Amino acid sequence: MTDDEPGLADAVDRFLDEADAAFDQYDQGYADADATVAVLRSHADDLRDALEE
């Protein structure tokens, strides 16, 4: 295991938690599809940034 793997694992966990929250907001009617996709894209960008670090 490299030193980068724990940081990446944390980033993946954070992404999954944030994605679940975005889906929950959508499912409960608090966000529309466009807003949910925008949130997911932002979280995916954060995950990509963590991967590149």
N, C-alpha and C. Protein backbone atom coordinates (compact mmCIF):
# COMPACT_ATOMS: atom_id res chain seq x y z
N MET A 1 0.84 -1.18 0.00
CA MET A 1 0.00 0.00 0.00
C MET A 1 0.88 1.24 0.00
N THR A 2 0.54 2.19 -0.84
CA THR A 2 1.31 3.42 -0.89
C THR A 2 0.68 4.46 0.03
N ASP A 3 1.42 5.54 0.25
CA ASP A 3 0.91 6.63 1.08
C ASP A 3 -0.31 7.30 0.46
N ASP A 4 -0.43 7.24 -0.88
CA ASP A 4 -1.54 7.91 -1.56
C ASP A 4 -2.86 7.17 -1.39
N GLU A 5 -2.82 5.86 -1.17
CA GLU A 5 -4.05 5.09 -1.15
C GLU A 5 -5.01 5.50 -0.03
N PRO A 6 -4.53 5.77 1.19
CA PRO A 6 -5.50 6.21 2.21
C PRO A 6 -6.19 7.52 1.84
N GLY A 7 -5.46 8.47 1.27
CA GLY A 7 -6.07 9.73 0.85
C GLY A 7 -7.09 9.52 -0.25
N LEU A 8 -6.78 8.63 -1.17
CA LEU A 8 -7.71 8.33 -2.25
C LEU A 8 -8.94 7.62 -1.69
N ALA A 9 -8.73 6.70 -0.77
CA ALA A 9 -9.87 6.00 -0.15
C ALA A 9 -10.78 7.00 0.56
N ASP A 10 -10.19 7.98 1.24
CA ASP A 10 -10.99 9.02 1.90
C ASP A 10 -11.77 9.83 0.88
N ALA A 11 -11.13 10.14 -0.24
CA ALA A 11 -11.79 10.92 -1.30
C ALA A 11 -12.96 10.13 -1.89
N VAL A 12 -12.77 8.84 -2.08
CA VAL A 12 -13.85 8.00 -2.62
C VAL A 12 -15.00 7.93 -1.62
N ASP A 13 -14.69 7.72 -0.35
CA ASP A 13 -15.73 7.68 0.68
C ASP A 13 -16.50 9.00 0.72
N ARG A 14 -15.78 10.11 0.64
CA ARG A 14 -16.41 11.44 0.66
C ARG A 14 -17.32 11.60 -0.56
N PHE A 15 -16.83 11.17 -1.74
CA PHE A 15 -17.63 11.26 -2.96
C PHE A 15 -18.92 10.46 -2.81
N LEU A 16 -18.79 9.23 -2.33
CA LEU A 16 -19.97 8.38 -2.19
C LEU A 16 -20.98 8.96 -1.20
N ASP A 17 -20.49 9.49 -0.09
CA ASP A 17 -21.38 10.12 0.88
C ASP A 17 -22.09 11.33 0.28
N GLU A 18 -21.34 12.16 -0.44
CA GLU A 18 -21.92 13.36 -1.04
C GLU A 18 -22.87 13.01 -2.18
N ALA A 19 -22.54 11.97 -2.95
CA ALA A 19 -23.43 11.53 -4.02
C ALA A 19 -24.73 11.00 -3.43
N ASP A 20 -24.63 10.20 -2.37
CA ASP A 20 -25.83 9.70 -1.71
C ASP A 20 -26.70 10.85 -1.21
N ALA A 21 -26.08 11.87 -0.65
CA ALA A 21 -26.82 13.03 -0.15
C ALA A 21 -27.53 13.75 -1.31
N ALA A 22 -26.85 13.88 -2.44
CA ALA A 22 -27.45 14.53 -3.60
C ALA A 22 -28.65 13.72 -4.11
N PHE A 23 -28.50 12.41 -4.17
CA PHE A 23 -29.61 11.56 -4.60
C PHE A 23 -30.78 11.64 -3.61
N ASP A 24 -30.48 11.68 -2.33
CA ASP A 24 -31.53 11.81 -1.32
C ASP A 24 -32.30 13.12 -1.49
N GLN A 25 -31.57 14.21 -1.74
CA GLN A 25 -32.21 15.51 -1.96
C GLN A 25 -33.14 15.44 -3.18
N TYR A 26 -32.69 14.77 -4.23
CA TYR A 26 -33.50 14.61 -5.43
C TYR A 26 -34.72 13.75 -5.15
N ASP A 27 -34.50 12.62 -4.49
CA ASP A 27 -35.60 11.69 -4.19
C ASP A 27 -36.68 12.34 -3.32
N GLN A 28 -36.27 13.24 -2.43
CA GLN A 28 -37.22 13.91 -1.54
C GLN A 28 -37.87 15.13 -2.20
N GLY A 29 -37.45 15.45 -3.42
CA GLY A 29 -38.05 16.56 -4.14
C GLY A 29 -37.46 17.92 -3.83
N TYR A 30 -36.33 17.94 -3.12
CA TYR A 30 -35.71 19.22 -2.77
C TYR A 30 -34.81 19.77 -3.88
N ALA A 31 -34.47 18.93 -4.85
CA ALA A 31 -33.60 19.35 -5.96
C ALA A 31 -34.13 18.74 -7.24
N ASP A 32 -34.01 19.48 -8.34
CA ASP A 32 -34.42 18.92 -9.62
C ASP A 32 -33.25 18.17 -10.25
N ALA A 33 -33.52 17.53 -11.36
CA ALA A 33 -32.50 16.69 -12.01
C ALA A 33 -31.27 17.50 -12.42
N ASP A 34 -31.48 18.68 -12.98
CA ASP A 34 -30.34 19.50 -13.42
C ASP A 34 -29.44 19.89 -12.25
N ALA A 35 -30.05 20.27 -11.14
CA ALA A 35 -29.26 20.63 -9.96
C ALA A 35 -28.51 19.43 -9.41
N THR A 36 -29.15 18.27 -9.43
CA THR A 36 -28.51 17.06 -8.93
C THR A 36 -27.32 16.68 -9.79
N VAL A 37 -27.47 16.77 -11.09
CA VAL A 37 -26.36 16.47 -11.99
C VAL A 37 -25.22 17.46 -11.77
N ALA A 38 -25.53 18.72 -11.59
CA ALA A 38 -24.49 19.72 -11.34
C ALA A 38 -23.73 19.41 -10.05
N VAL A 39 -24.44 19.01 -9.01
CA VAL A 39 -23.79 18.66 -7.75
C VAL A 39 -22.90 17.44 -7.94
N LEU A 40 -23.41 16.42 -8.63
CA LEU A 40 -22.62 15.21 -8.87
C LEU A 40 -21.37 15.51 -9.70
N ARG A 41 -21.51 16.39 -10.69
CA ARG A 41 -20.33 16.76 -11.49
C ARG A 41 -19.28 17.44 -10.63
N SER A 42 -19.72 18.31 -9.75
CA SER A 42 -18.80 18.99 -8.85
C SER A 42 -18.07 17.99 -7.95
N HIS A 43 -18.81 17.04 -7.42
CA HIS A 43 -18.19 16.03 -6.56
C HIS A 43 -17.24 15.13 -7.37
N ALA A 44 -17.60 14.84 -8.61
CA ALA A 44 -16.72 14.05 -9.48
C ALA A 44 -15.43 14.82 -9.77
N ASP A 45 -15.54 16.13 -9.97
CA ASP A 45 -14.34 16.96 -10.17
C ASP A 45 -13.44 16.92 -8.95
N ASP A 46 -14.05 16.99 -7.76
CA ASP A 46 -13.27 16.91 -6.52
C ASP A 46 -12.56 15.57 -6.42
N LEU A 47 -13.24 14.50 -6.79
CA LEU A 47 -12.64 13.17 -6.75
C LEU A 47 -11.49 13.08 -7.75
N ARG A 48 -11.67 13.63 -8.95
CA ARG A 48 -10.59 13.65 -9.95
C ARG A 48 -9.38 14.41 -9.43
N ASP A 49 -9.63 15.55 -8.79
CA ASP A 49 -8.53 16.34 -8.22
C ASP A 49 -7.77 15.54 -7.17
N ALA A 50 -8.49 14.82 -6.33
CA ALA A 50 -7.84 13.99 -5.30
C ALA A 50 -7.01 12.89 -5.94
N LEU A 51 -7.49 12.34 -7.03
CA LEU A 51 -6.75 11.29 -7.74
C LEU A 51 -5.46 11.82 -8.34
N GLU A 52 -5.50 13.06 -8.83
CA GLU A 52 -4.33 13.66 -9.46
C GLU A 52 -3.29 14.14 -8.46
N GLU A 53 -3.66 14.28 -7.20
CA GLU A 53 -2.72 14.76 -6.17
C GLU A 53 -1.70 13.71 -5.83
